[in-house]
Structures are given as C-alpha cells and as structure tokens.
Amino acid sequence: MFHIGTIIIFVLCLVALISMFWLFIKSQMHAARRVRAAEEHATEVMKGRVGMTHDEFGKRYFSESEAAIASKIREILEKNIGLDIDICPALPDDDLADDLGLGQFDGMDGNFMILDIENEFEIKLDRLSCSKIKTLRDVVRFVNEKLQKEN
C-alpha cells in the first residue's frame, strides 16, 4: 500500500512540525515573561509619582517652545509603548527602554514611534541619530532641533 520511504518522510515531517510548534510556544512564553517583567519594572519606577496630563507634563518640564512638542511626543509614546502601563507619572529623564519598557513588547514599538513622530511633525529622522536617544527629554530636544533646522 504505502512505500516505506513515504512513511519515513511523513514521520520526519511530523516530527519537524511538532518541534517547530514547540519552539514557537517556548518563544511566546519567553516574550510574555519579558513583557510582564517590563510592565512590573515600569510600574515600580513610577510608583508614588503623581500623574499628569500630556499638556501638564509639557508645561511643567519644558520651555515654552518645547512644551507642545513634549506633550505630543508623550502622547505618541503612550500609543506606541506596547505595554499595559500608565505613563502619566513618567518623567522627562526616565529611560525609554529601561524605565518605560519601549521596545520590550515586540521590538518594533520604537520604530513605530519614530514613524509617528515623523508624521506628526512632518520631519525626517535619521535612524542612526535616533538610536542615541535614551529619554523623553532627548526625544523632545532632538525633534525641537530638527524643527528649528528645517524652518
């Protein structure tokens, strides 16, 4: 009925499929643990801080010329963070990756944030320069400088 070679190939394919499925499940479990740890860390970092609206954040921590930029960037960060955290208590010098978890969900949230900033402010950001940005304050200053150069 069946040729022995066909049966062996079928069994090998089945074993390979099961192995790939197992590796996929393990990677998803690892990613979920990483995200959960990032959420817990971000929550701990912001514990005890008073939350602010995006506009209050901009006005409190930045110059008049940077306040609107800071407010909008914080709004963009909230949209792109990828974690289930409240960023209202975030401060300008919080590290985007280490303190707020940017990039911990799937690694693409930072790229989407850059795209959203480019679209919002109608500027083009150099990816190499963006890799040096560590805090919300860095983002605000970088975008402000870019806007001033283009005007």
N, C-alpha and C. Protein backbone atom coordinates (compact mmCIF):
# COMPACT_ATOMS: atom_id res chain seq x y z
N MET A 1 0.81 -1.19 0.00
CA MET A 1 0.00 0.00 0.00
C MET A 1 0.86 1.27 0.00
N PHE A 2 1.51 1.51 1.15
CA PHE A 2 2.40 2.67 1.23
C PHE A 2 3.83 2.21 1.12
N HIS A 3 4.58 2.97 0.43
CA HIS A 3 6.00 2.70 0.32
C HIS A 3 6.66 3.11 1.63
N ILE A 4 7.60 2.35 2.14
CA ILE A 4 8.26 2.62 3.42
C ILE A 4 8.93 3.99 3.43
N GLY A 5 9.48 4.42 2.31
CA GLY A 5 10.12 5.74 2.21
C GLY A 5 9.12 6.86 2.44
N THR A 6 7.90 6.69 1.92
CA THR A 6 6.84 7.69 2.11
C THR A 6 6.48 7.81 3.58
N ILE A 7 6.38 6.69 4.25
CA ILE A 7 6.03 6.69 5.69
C ILE A 7 7.14 7.37 6.49
N ILE A 8 8.39 7.08 6.17
CA ILE A 8 9.51 7.69 6.89
C ILE A 8 9.52 9.20 6.67
N ILE A 9 9.31 9.64 5.46
CA ILE A 9 9.26 11.08 5.17
C ILE A 9 8.11 11.74 5.92
N PHE A 10 6.96 11.07 5.94
CA PHE A 10 5.80 11.61 6.67
C PHE A 10 6.12 11.75 8.15
N VAL A 11 6.71 10.75 8.76
CA VAL A 11 7.05 10.78 10.19
C VAL A 11 8.08 11.89 10.46
N LEU A 12 9.09 12.02 9.61
CA LEU A 12 10.09 13.06 9.80
C LEU A 12 9.46 14.46 9.69
N CYS A 13 8.58 14.63 8.74
CA CYS A 13 7.89 15.92 8.59
C CYS A 13 7.03 16.22 9.82
N LEU A 14 6.36 15.21 10.34
CA LEU A 14 5.52 15.37 11.52
C LEU A 14 6.38 15.76 12.73
N VAL A 15 7.51 15.09 12.90
CA VAL A 15 8.43 15.41 14.00
C VAL A 15 8.94 16.85 13.85
N ALA A 16 9.31 17.25 12.64
CA ALA A 16 9.79 18.61 12.41
C ALA A 16 8.71 19.63 12.72
N LEU A 17 7.48 19.34 12.32
CA LEU A 17 6.37 20.24 12.57
C LEU A 17 6.12 20.39 14.07
N ILE A 18 6.12 19.29 14.79
CA ILE A 18 5.92 19.33 16.24
C ILE A 18 7.05 20.11 16.91
N SER A 19 8.28 19.90 16.47
CA SER A 19 9.43 20.63 17.03
C SER A 19 9.31 22.13 16.80
N MET A 20 8.91 22.52 15.59
CA MET A 20 8.75 23.95 15.28
C MET A 20 7.64 24.55 16.13
N PHE A 21 6.55 23.82 16.30
CA PHE A 21 5.45 24.30 17.12
C PHE A 21 5.91 24.48 18.56
N TRP A 22 6.67 23.54 19.09
CA TRP A 22 7.18 23.62 20.46
C TRP A 22 8.11 24.83 20.62
N LEU A 23 8.99 25.08 19.66
CA LEU A 23 9.87 26.23 19.71
C LEU A 23 9.08 27.54 19.67
N PHE A 24 8.03 27.57 18.87
CA PHE A 24 7.17 28.75 18.80
C PHE A 24 6.51 29.00 20.15
N ILE A 25 5.97 27.97 20.77
CA ILE A 25 5.31 28.10 22.07
C ILE A 25 6.32 28.60 23.12
N LYS A 26 7.52 28.04 23.12
CA LYS A 26 8.54 28.47 24.07
C LYS A 26 8.91 29.94 23.87
N SER A 27 9.04 30.36 22.62
CA SER A 27 9.40 31.76 22.36
C SER A 27 8.28 32.70 22.80
N GLN A 28 7.03 32.29 22.62
CA GLN A 28 5.90 33.12 23.05
C GLN A 28 5.85 33.22 24.57
N MET A 29 6.14 32.13 25.25
CA MET A 29 6.17 32.14 26.71
C MET A 29 7.28 33.05 27.21
N HIS A 30 8.44 32.99 26.55
CA HIS A 30 9.56 33.85 26.94
C HIS A 30 9.21 35.32 26.71
N ALA A 31 8.59 35.63 25.59
CA ALA A 31 8.20 37.01 25.29
C ALA A 31 7.18 37.51 26.31
N ALA A 32 6.24 36.67 26.68
CA ALA A 32 5.23 37.06 27.67
C ALA A 32 5.88 37.35 29.02
N ARG A 33 6.86 36.53 29.42
CA ARG A 33 7.57 36.78 30.67
C ARG A 33 8.35 38.09 30.61
N ARG A 34 8.99 38.36 29.47
CA ARG A 34 9.75 39.58 29.29
C ARG A 34 8.84 40.81 29.37
N VAL A 35 7.69 40.74 28.74
CA VAL A 35 6.74 41.86 28.76
C VAL A 35 6.22 42.07 30.18
N ARG A 36 5.86 40.98 30.86
CA ARG A 36 5.36 41.08 32.23
C ARG A 36 6.42 41.71 33.14
N ALA A 37 7.67 41.29 32.98
CA ALA A 37 8.75 41.86 33.79
C ALA A 37 8.94 43.35 33.50
N ALA A 38 8.85 43.74 32.23
CA ALA A 38 8.98 45.15 31.85
C ALA A 38 7.83 45.97 32.44
N GLU A 39 6.63 45.43 32.41
CA GLU A 39 5.47 46.13 32.99
C GLU A 39 5.64 46.31 34.50
N GLU A 40 6.10 45.26 35.17
CA GLU A 40 6.31 45.34 36.61
C GLU A 40 7.40 46.35 36.94
N HIS A 41 8.47 46.35 36.17
CA HIS A 41 9.57 47.31 36.41
C HIS A 41 9.10 48.75 36.19
N ALA A 42 8.39 48.99 35.10
CA ALA A 42 7.90 50.34 34.81
C ALA A 42 6.94 50.82 35.89
N THR A 43 6.08 49.93 36.36
CA THR A 43 5.15 50.27 37.42
C THR A 43 5.91 50.62 38.70
N GLU A 44 6.95 49.86 38.99
CA GLU A 44 7.77 50.12 40.18
C GLU A 44 8.51 51.46 40.06
N VAL A 45 9.05 51.74 38.88
CA VAL A 45 9.78 53.00 38.66
C VAL A 45 8.86 54.19 38.92
N MET A 46 7.61 54.10 38.48
CA MET A 46 6.69 55.24 38.58
C MET A 46 5.85 55.23 39.86
N LYS A 47 6.08 54.25 40.71
CA LYS A 47 5.33 54.12 41.96
C LYS A 47 5.50 55.37 42.83
N GLY A 48 4.40 55.89 43.32
CA GLY A 48 4.42 57.05 44.20
C GLY A 48 4.48 58.39 43.49
N ARG A 49 4.60 58.39 42.19
CA ARG A 49 4.63 59.65 41.44
C ARG A 49 3.22 60.12 41.15
N VAL A 50 3.08 61.41 41.00
CA VAL A 50 1.79 62.00 40.65
C VAL A 50 1.66 62.00 39.14
N GLY A 51 0.54 61.53 38.64
CA GLY A 51 0.29 61.53 37.20
C GLY A 51 -0.04 62.91 36.69
N MET A 52 0.28 63.14 35.42
CA MET A 52 0.00 64.42 34.78
C MET A 52 -0.59 64.17 33.40
N THR A 53 -1.38 65.12 32.94
CA THR A 53 -1.83 65.04 31.56
C THR A 53 -0.63 65.34 30.67
N HIS A 54 -0.77 65.08 29.40
CA HIS A 54 0.33 65.35 28.46
C HIS A 54 0.67 66.84 28.44
N ASP A 55 -0.37 67.69 28.47
CA ASP A 55 -0.13 69.14 28.45
C ASP A 55 0.56 69.61 29.72
N GLU A 56 0.12 69.10 30.88
CA GLU A 56 0.77 69.46 32.15
C GLU A 56 2.24 69.05 32.14
N PHE A 57 2.51 67.88 31.61
CA PHE A 57 3.88 67.38 31.51
C PHE A 57 4.75 68.35 30.70
N GLY A 58 4.24 68.73 29.53
CA GLY A 58 5.00 69.64 28.66
C GLY A 58 5.26 70.98 29.32
N LYS A 59 4.24 71.55 29.93
CA LYS A 59 4.38 72.87 30.55
C LYS A 59 5.26 72.84 31.80
N ARG A 60 5.21 71.74 32.53
CA ARG A 60 5.96 71.66 33.79
C ARG A 60 7.46 71.46 33.59
N TYR A 61 7.83 70.67 32.61
CA TYR A 61 9.23 70.26 32.49
C TYR A 61 9.99 70.86 31.31
N PHE A 62 9.29 71.59 30.43
CA PHE A 62 9.97 72.07 29.22
C PHE A 62 9.72 73.55 29.01
N SER A 63 10.59 74.15 28.22
CA SER A 63 10.45 75.57 27.90
C SER A 63 9.16 75.77 27.10
N GLU A 64 8.79 77.01 26.97
CA GLU A 64 7.56 77.33 26.23
C GLU A 64 7.62 76.81 24.79
N SER A 65 8.79 76.91 24.18
CA SER A 65 8.93 76.47 22.78
C SER A 65 8.90 74.93 22.65
N GLU A 66 9.23 74.23 23.73
CA GLU A 66 9.26 72.76 23.68
C GLU A 66 8.03 72.10 24.29
N ALA A 67 7.20 72.85 25.02
CA ALA A 67 6.08 72.27 25.76
C ALA A 67 5.09 71.52 24.86
N ALA A 68 4.71 72.12 23.75
CA ALA A 68 3.75 71.47 22.84
C ALA A 68 4.36 70.22 22.22
N ILE A 69 5.65 70.28 21.90
CA ILE A 69 6.35 69.12 21.34
C ILE A 69 6.37 67.99 22.37
N ALA A 70 6.71 68.34 23.61
CA ALA A 70 6.78 67.34 24.69
C ALA A 70 5.43 66.68 24.91
N SER A 71 4.40 67.47 24.90
CA SER A 71 3.04 66.95 25.10
C SER A 71 2.68 65.95 24.00
N LYS A 72 2.96 66.31 22.77
CA LYS A 72 2.62 65.44 21.63
C LYS A 72 3.49 64.18 21.64
N ILE A 73 4.76 64.30 21.96
CA ILE A 73 5.64 63.14 21.98
C ILE A 73 5.22 62.16 23.07
N ARG A 74 4.81 62.69 24.21
CA ARG A 74 4.34 61.81 25.28
C ARG A 74 3.07 61.07 24.85
N GLU A 75 2.22 61.74 24.13
CA GLU A 75 1.01 61.12 23.59
C GLU A 75 1.38 60.01 22.60
N ILE A 76 2.36 60.27 21.75
CA ILE A 76 2.83 59.27 20.79
C ILE A 76 3.45 58.09 21.52
N LEU A 77 4.22 58.36 22.57
CA LEU A 77 4.82 57.29 23.36
C LEU A 77 3.75 56.40 23.97
N GLU A 78 2.73 57.02 24.51
CA GLU A 78 1.64 56.25 25.14
C GLU A 78 0.98 55.31 24.12
N LYS A 79 0.82 55.80 22.91
CA LYS A 79 0.21 54.99 21.84
C LYS A 79 1.11 53.82 21.43
N ASN A 80 2.43 54.02 21.49
CA ASN A 80 3.36 53.04 20.95
C ASN A 80 4.06 52.16 21.98
N ILE A 81 3.83 52.38 23.25
CA ILE A 81 4.61 51.72 24.29
C ILE A 81 4.48 50.19 24.25
N GLY A 82 3.33 49.66 23.88
CA GLY A 82 3.19 48.21 23.75
C GLY A 82 3.03 47.47 25.05
N LEU A 83 3.03 48.17 26.17
CA LEU A 83 2.85 47.54 27.48
C LEU A 83 1.58 48.07 28.13
N ASP A 84 1.09 47.32 29.09
CA ASP A 84 -0.10 47.73 29.82
C ASP A 84 0.34 48.51 31.06
N ILE A 85 0.80 49.76 30.83
CA ILE A 85 1.22 50.62 31.93
C ILE A 85 0.62 52.01 31.74
N ASP A 86 0.55 52.74 32.85
CA ASP A 86 0.09 54.12 32.82
C ASP A 86 1.32 55.01 32.76
N ILE A 87 1.50 55.76 31.69
CA ILE A 87 2.69 56.61 31.58
C ILE A 87 2.46 58.01 32.13
N CYS A 88 1.28 58.28 32.69
CA CYS A 88 1.01 59.62 33.24
C CYS A 88 2.04 60.06 34.29
N PRO A 89 2.59 59.14 35.10
CA PRO A 89 3.62 59.57 36.06
C PRO A 89 5.04 59.63 35.48
N ALA A 90 5.21 59.35 34.20
CA ALA A 90 6.55 59.35 33.60
C ALA A 90 7.18 60.73 33.66
N LEU A 91 8.49 60.75 33.89
CA LEU A 91 9.25 62.00 33.97
C LEU A 91 10.14 62.14 32.74
N PRO A 92 10.60 63.35 32.46
CA PRO A 92 11.40 63.58 31.25
C PRO A 92 12.70 62.77 31.18
N ASP A 93 13.28 62.44 32.31
CA ASP A 93 14.56 61.74 32.30
C ASP A 93 14.44 60.24 32.51
N ASP A 94 13.22 59.72 32.47
CA ASP A 94 13.04 58.27 32.50
C ASP A 94 13.59 57.67 31.22
N ASP A 95 14.32 56.59 31.34
CA ASP A 95 14.88 55.90 30.18
C ASP A 95 13.74 55.22 29.42
N LEU A 96 13.64 55.49 28.13
CA LEU A 96 12.54 54.96 27.33
C LEU A 96 12.49 53.44 27.35
N ALA A 97 13.64 52.79 27.23
CA ALA A 97 13.68 51.33 27.19
C ALA A 97 13.70 50.72 28.59
N ASP A 98 14.64 51.16 29.41
CA ASP A 98 14.82 50.54 30.72
C ASP A 98 13.72 50.87 31.72
N ASP A 99 13.28 52.12 31.77
CA ASP A 99 12.28 52.53 32.76
C ASP A 99 10.85 52.41 32.26
N LEU A 100 10.64 52.70 30.98
CA LEU A 100 9.27 52.71 30.44
C LEU A 100 8.94 51.51 29.57
N GLY A 101 9.93 50.71 29.24
CA GLY A 101 9.67 49.46 28.52
C GLY A 101 9.50 49.59 27.02
N LEU A 102 9.90 50.72 26.43
CA LEU A 102 9.79 50.86 24.97
C LEU A 102 10.69 49.82 24.31
N GLY A 103 10.13 49.05 23.40
CA GLY A 103 10.90 48.02 22.71
C GLY A 103 10.79 46.65 23.35
N GLN A 104 10.12 46.55 24.48
CA GLN A 104 10.03 45.27 25.18
C GLN A 104 8.89 44.39 24.67
N PHE A 105 7.92 44.99 23.99
CA PHE A 105 6.78 44.20 23.52
C PHE A 105 7.16 43.35 22.33
N ASP A 106 7.58 43.98 21.25
CA ASP A 106 7.98 43.20 20.08
C ASP A 106 9.20 43.78 19.37
N GLY A 107 9.77 44.81 19.94
CA GLY A 107 10.95 45.41 19.34
C GLY A 107 10.63 46.42 18.24
N MET A 108 9.40 46.44 17.80
CA MET A 108 9.02 47.36 16.72
C MET A 108 8.38 48.64 17.23
N ASP A 109 7.99 48.67 18.51
CA ASP A 109 7.27 49.85 19.00
C ASP A 109 8.12 51.11 18.91
N GLY A 110 9.43 51.01 19.09
CA GLY A 110 10.30 52.17 18.92
C GLY A 110 10.30 52.67 17.49
N ASN A 111 10.29 51.74 16.54
CA ASN A 111 10.25 52.13 15.12
C ASN A 111 8.92 52.79 14.77
N PHE A 112 7.84 52.26 15.31
CA PHE A 112 6.53 52.86 15.05
C PHE A 112 6.45 54.25 15.69
N MET A 113 7.09 54.41 16.84
CA MET A 113 7.10 55.73 17.49
C MET A 113 7.83 56.74 16.60
N ILE A 114 8.96 56.34 16.04
CA ILE A 114 9.72 57.22 15.15
C ILE A 114 8.86 57.61 13.94
N LEU A 115 8.18 56.64 13.36
CA LEU A 115 7.32 56.93 12.21
C LEU A 115 6.20 57.90 12.58
N ASP A 116 5.60 57.69 13.76
CA ASP A 116 4.53 58.58 14.20
C ASP A 116 5.05 60.00 14.46
N ILE A 117 6.25 60.11 15.01
CA ILE A 117 6.85 61.43 15.23
C ILE A 117 7.11 62.11 13.88
N GLU A 118 7.66 61.36 12.93
CA GLU A 118 7.90 61.92 11.60
C GLU A 118 6.61 62.42 10.97
N ASN A 119 5.55 61.64 11.09
CA ASN A 119 4.26 62.04 10.50
C ASN A 119 3.65 63.22 11.23
N GLU A 120 3.71 63.22 12.54
CA GLU A 120 3.11 64.30 13.33
C GLU A 120 3.79 65.64 13.08
N PHE A 121 5.11 65.64 13.06
CA PHE A 121 5.86 66.89 12.95
C PHE A 121 6.34 67.17 11.52
N GLU A 122 6.02 66.26 10.60
CA GLU A 122 6.39 66.40 9.19
C GLU A 122 7.90 66.62 9.03
N ILE A 123 8.65 65.75 9.67
CA ILE A 123 10.12 65.79 9.60
C ILE A 123 10.62 64.39 9.26
N LYS A 124 11.86 64.30 8.87
CA LYS A 124 12.51 63.01 8.60
C LYS A 124 13.60 62.83 9.64
N LEU A 125 13.57 61.71 10.36
CA LEU A 125 14.54 61.45 11.41
C LEU A 125 15.57 60.42 10.94
N ASP A 126 16.80 60.72 11.20
CA ASP A 126 17.91 59.82 10.88
C ASP A 126 17.91 58.69 11.91
N ARG A 127 17.80 57.45 11.45
CA ARG A 127 17.71 56.30 12.36
C ARG A 127 18.95 56.15 13.23
N LEU A 128 20.12 56.47 12.71
CA LEU A 128 21.35 56.37 13.50
C LEU A 128 21.32 57.37 14.65
N SER A 129 20.89 58.59 14.38
CA SER A 129 20.77 59.59 15.44
C SER A 129 19.72 59.19 16.46
N CYS A 130 18.63 58.60 15.99
CA CYS A 130 17.56 58.17 16.89
C CYS A 130 18.04 57.08 17.85
N SER A 131 19.00 56.29 17.44
CA SER A 131 19.49 55.21 18.30
C SER A 131 20.22 55.75 19.53
N LYS A 132 20.62 57.02 19.49
CA LYS A 132 21.32 57.63 20.62
C LYS A 132 20.35 58.25 21.64
N ILE A 133 19.08 58.31 21.29
CA ILE A 133 18.07 58.89 22.16
C ILE A 133 17.72 57.90 23.26
N LYS A 134 17.76 58.36 24.50
CA LYS A 134 17.50 57.47 25.64
C LYS A 134 16.28 57.87 26.47
N THR A 135 15.97 59.16 26.54
CA THR A 135 14.91 59.64 27.43
C THR A 135 13.88 60.47 26.66
N LEU A 136 12.77 60.75 27.32
CA LEU A 136 11.76 61.63 26.73
C LEU A 136 12.35 63.01 26.45
N ARG A 137 13.19 63.49 27.37
CA ARG A 137 13.83 64.79 27.19
C ARG A 137 14.69 64.79 25.92
N ASP A 138 15.41 63.68 25.69
CA ASP A 138 16.23 63.56 24.48
C ASP A 138 15.37 63.65 23.22
N VAL A 139 14.22 62.99 23.24
CA VAL A 139 13.33 63.00 22.08
C VAL A 139 12.84 64.41 21.80
N VAL A 140 12.40 65.08 22.86
CA VAL A 140 11.87 66.45 22.71
C VAL A 140 12.93 67.38 22.14
N ARG A 141 14.12 67.32 22.71
CA ARG A 141 15.19 68.20 22.23
C ARG A 141 15.58 67.87 20.79
N PHE A 142 15.66 66.59 20.48
CA PHE A 142 16.01 66.16 19.13
C PHE A 142 15.00 66.66 18.11
N VAL A 143 13.72 66.49 18.41
CA VAL A 143 12.66 66.93 17.49
C VAL A 143 12.66 68.46 17.40
N ASN A 144 12.82 69.15 18.53
CA ASN A 144 12.85 70.61 18.52
C ASN A 144 14.00 71.12 17.65
N GLU A 145 15.18 70.55 17.81
CA GLU A 145 16.33 70.95 16.99
C GLU A 145 16.08 70.69 15.51
N LYS A 146 15.47 69.54 15.23
CA LYS A 146 15.18 69.18 13.83
C LYS A 146 14.18 70.18 13.23
N LEU A 147 13.17 70.55 14.00
CA LEU A 147 12.17 71.52 13.53
C LEU A 147 12.80 72.89 13.29
N GLN A 148 13.70 73.30 14.18
CA GLN A 148 14.36 74.60 14.04
C GLN A 148 15.26 74.63 12.80
N LYS A 149 15.93 73.52 12.52
CA LYS A 149 16.81 73.44 11.34
C LYS A 149 16.01 73.51 10.06
N GLU A 150 14.82 72.92 10.07
CA GLU A 150 14.01 72.86 8.86
C GLU A 150 13.23 74.14 8.61
N ASN A 151 13.14 75.00 9.62
CA ASN A 151 12.40 76.27 9.45
C ASN A 151 13.31 77.39 9.13
